[in-house]
């Protein structure tokens, strides 16, 4: 395995962990029952949730860049 592949695997596992740690905005039961969804509610993220959101966004950009780099080389 090349170093790009190892880094890509590590970043992918970290990204999966970050996504699982985030709290869900909507109840899964509401998705199947057809009840009114609060999905697009304008609530600001604060504290740990804001940091987690920003780290997830940054990690996803790194993941995409590493994927392109691994595909090119």
C-alpha atoms as a PDB file:
ATOM      1  CA  UNK A   1       0.000   0.000   0.000  1.00  0.00           C
ATOM      2  CA  UNK A   2       1.132   3.485  -0.781  1.00  0.00           C
ATOM      3  CA  UNK A   3       1.181   6.326   1.731  1.00  0.00           C
ATOM      4  CA  UNK A   4      -1.767   7.998  -0.050  1.00  0.00           C
ATOM      5  CA  UNK A   5      -3.881   4.888   0.436  1.00  0.00           C
ATOM      6  CA  UNK A   6      -3.031   4.644   4.120  1.00  0.00           C
ATOM      7  CA  UNK A   7      -3.803   8.333   4.685  1.00  0.00           C
ATOM      8  CA  UNK A   8      -7.062   7.967   2.766  1.00  0.00           C
ATOM      9  CA  UNK A   9      -8.078   5.023   4.938  1.00  0.00           C
ATOM     10  CA  UNK A  10      -7.287   6.903   8.157  1.00  0.00           C
ATOM     11  CA  UNK A  11      -9.169  10.029   7.030  1.00  0.00           C
ATOM     12  CA  UNK A  12     -12.141   7.906   5.910  1.00  0.00           C
ATOM     13  CA  UNK A  13     -12.388   6.192   9.286  1.00  0.00           C
ATOM     14  CA  UNK A  14     -12.086   9.549  11.076  1.00  0.00           C
ATOM     15  CA  UNK A  15     -14.808  11.041   8.847  1.00  0.00           C
ATOM     16  CA  UNK A  16     -17.139   8.118   9.542  1.00  0.00           C
ATOM     17  CA  UNK A  17     -16.563   8.586  13.274  1.00  0.00           C
ATOM     18  CA  UNK A  18     -17.333  12.304  13.052  1.00  0.00           C
ATOM     19  CA  UNK A  19     -20.559  11.733  11.119  1.00  0.00           C
ATOM     20  CA  UNK A  20     -21.747   9.099  13.589  1.00  0.00           C
ATOM     21  CA  UNK A  21     -21.025  11.441  16.515  1.00  0.00           C
ATOM     22  CA  UNK A  22     -23.288  14.175  15.147  1.00  0.00           C
ATOM     23  CA  UNK A  23     -26.790  14.374  16.516  1.00  0.00           C
ATOM     24  CA  UNK A  24     -29.741  13.772  14.249  1.00  0.00           C
ATOM     25  CA  UNK A  25     -31.988  16.737  13.489  1.00  0.00           C
ATOM     26  CA  UNK A  26     -35.032  14.681  12.619  1.00  0.00           C
ATOM     27  CA  UNK A  27     -36.756  11.697  14.132  1.00  0.00           C
ATOM     28  CA  UNK A  28     -36.606   8.636  11.886  1.00  0.00           C
ATOM     29  CA  UNK A  29     -40.214   7.766  12.744  1.00  0.00           C
ATOM     30  CA  UNK A  30     -41.382  11.114  11.333  1.00  0.00           C
ATOM     31  CA  UNK A  31     -39.774  10.343   7.988  1.00  0.00           C
ATOM     32  CA  UNK A  32     -41.960   7.268   7.508  1.00  0.00           C
ATOM     33  CA  UNK A  33     -45.151   8.581   9.084  1.00  0.00           C
ATOM     34  CA  UNK A  34     -45.318  11.774   7.020  1.00  0.00           C
ATOM     35  CA  UNK A  35     -45.485  14.116   9.974  1.00  0.00           C
ATOM     36  CA  UNK A  36     -44.275  17.689   9.659  1.00  0.00           C
ATOM     37  CA  UNK A  37     -40.486  17.791   9.552  1.00  0.00           C
ATOM     38  CA  UNK A  38     -38.377  20.436  11.249  1.00  0.00           C
ATOM     39  CA  UNK A  39     -35.439  19.651   8.978  1.00  0.00           C
ATOM     40  CA  UNK A  40     -34.978  23.158   7.601  1.00  0.00           C
ATOM     41  CA  UNK A  41     -35.464  24.919  10.908  1.00  0.00           C
ATOM     42  CA  UNK A  42     -33.091  27.860  11.367  1.00  0.00           C
ATOM     43  CA  UNK A  43     -31.297  26.916  14.556  1.00  0.00           C
ATOM     44  CA  UNK A  44     -27.738  28.073  15.079  1.00  0.00           C
ATOM     45  CA  UNK A  45     -25.191  25.540  16.161  1.00  0.00           C
ATOM     46  CA  UNK A  46     -23.202  26.401  19.262  1.00  0.00           C
ATOM     47  CA  UNK A  47     -20.363  24.987  21.291  1.00  0.00           C
ATOM     48  CA  UNK A  48     -19.275  21.424  20.644  1.00  0.00           C
ATOM     49  CA  UNK A  49     -21.846  20.977  17.872  1.00  0.00           C
ATOM     50  CA  UNK A  50     -20.369  23.915  15.931  1.00  0.00           C
ATOM     51  CA  UNK A  51     -16.815  22.609  16.338  1.00  0.00           C
ATOM     52  CA  UNK A  52     -17.886  19.116  15.291  1.00  0.00           C
ATOM     53  CA  UNK A  53     -19.627  20.501  12.209  1.00  0.00           C
ATOM     54  CA  UNK A  54     -16.562  22.498  11.139  1.00  0.00           C
ATOM     55  CA  UNK A  55     -14.152  19.610  11.737  1.00  0.00           C
ATOM     56  CA  UNK A  56     -16.435  17.326   9.706  1.00  0.00           C
ATOM     57  CA  UNK A  57     -16.500  19.806   6.824  1.00  0.00           C
ATOM     58  CA  UNK A  58     -12.722  20.168   6.888  1.00  0.00           C
ATOM     59  CA  UNK A  59     -12.188  16.431   7.065  1.00  0.00           C
ATOM     60  CA  UNK A  60     -14.507  15.870   4.112  1.00  0.00           C
ATOM     61  CA  UNK A  61     -12.485  18.364   2.024  1.00  0.00           C
ATOM     62  CA  UNK A  62      -9.259  16.551   2.985  1.00  0.00           C
ATOM     63  CA  UNK A  63     -10.914  13.234   2.075  1.00  0.00           C
ATOM     64  CA  UNK A  64     -11.899  14.519  -1.364  1.00  0.00           C
ATOM     65  CA  UNK A  65      -8.422  15.922  -2.023  1.00  0.00           C
ATOM     66  CA  UNK A  66      -6.754  12.679  -0.954  1.00  0.00           C
ATOM     67  CA  UNK A  67      -9.152  10.701  -3.140  1.00  0.00           C
ATOM     68  CA  UNK A  68      -8.271  12.774  -6.180  1.00  0.00           C
ATOM     69  CA  UNK A  69      -4.557  12.529  -5.359  1.00  0.00           C
ATOM     70  CA  UNK A  70      -4.773   8.748  -4.979  1.00  0.00           C
ATOM     71  CA  UNK A  71      -6.635   8.456  -8.255  1.00  0.00           C
ATOM     72  CA  UNK A  72      -4.117  10.597 -10.173  1.00  0.00           C
ATOM     73  CA  UNK A  73      -1.004   8.845  -8.909  1.00  0.00           C
END
